[in-house]
Amino acid sequence: MSLPYFPMFPTDFEAKTSHLTLAEDGAYNRLLRLMWMTPGCSLPDDDRWIMRRMRCSKEEFEMVVLVVIEEFCERKDGRVSNAKLTRVFEQSDEAHKKRVAAGSKGGKSKSLKTNNSRPSNAKAKTKQPEPEPEPYKKEDTDVSLPVSPACDASEAVQIFNEAAARTKWPAIQKMNPNRTKQLKARLSEAGGIEGWRSAIQKAEQSDFLCGRTPRPWLGFGFDWLLKAANFTKLMEGNYDQSTGSESAGTPQGRQNRPDPALEQIARLARIG
């Protein structure tokens, strides 16, 4: 028998051996292993031989090993064997022989096919041209290629935080999936990272967005900028400075509105 293993069925084994002591259980397992490795899957019915192979003393043999042999093994014709192990041995041996025979038959069949194949009529040419090398592709090493959207988003966050340090805007502390999605949309609208940089510069130059007006508006922040409508207004110049005007930096449309308080003062002055 060439198989170095035998199948073990733990549930069946435990059901039949649960009454054994730890020493008896170990002795039974060692007996089964010795039988499997011995030709014929059985041991000589010789106490000294078994004691030597079991590596036990005479006392251990009589108090443990003999108890197991008498309960689970058969002593017949000068051999000690276990009926179930012998049955499993024979089944495994038969299955192994069939696999060996099938493998040998398959190998012979393959060998015959190879031997009976006709030789190729192809002839080597005297001069075979070497294959042309792959053409050099400039784009493989072109550093001007656009970077990935993930890189653009990371750089956009850095640009905003640098501006926030100069303008006292709230800095970005943490990105989340929603912020990232909106940021990528704004980057696309701006034409990439350079367009985003221009948008941040426009915001920095606006007194209104930076809270530098007499009545400062402090609502500007990263989330405000990510909103599509706000970003569009910024890019279209609604928050650009209006030179020569006291209301410079306020959104267009509010710059030329008269101050109600000043109008009231003027009316009173004319009446007086």
Foldseek 3Di string as FASTA:
>chain_A
DPDQDFDDDVVVVCVVCVPPDPLQVVLLVQLQNVLLPDPLSWAFPDLVVSCVSSVHDPVCCVPHVVVNQVPAWDCPPRIIHGVVSSVRSVVVVVVVVVVVVVVVVVVVVVVVVVVPDDDDPDDDDPDDDDDDDDDDDPVVPDPVDDDDLVVQLVVLLVLLQVLCVVLVADHDDDDDPVLSVLSSVLCVVLVTNVSSNVLSVLLSQACQNSQNAPGHDRPDHSVQCSDPVSVVQSVVPQQGFDPPFNQGRHGPVPRPDDDVVVVVVVVVVVVD
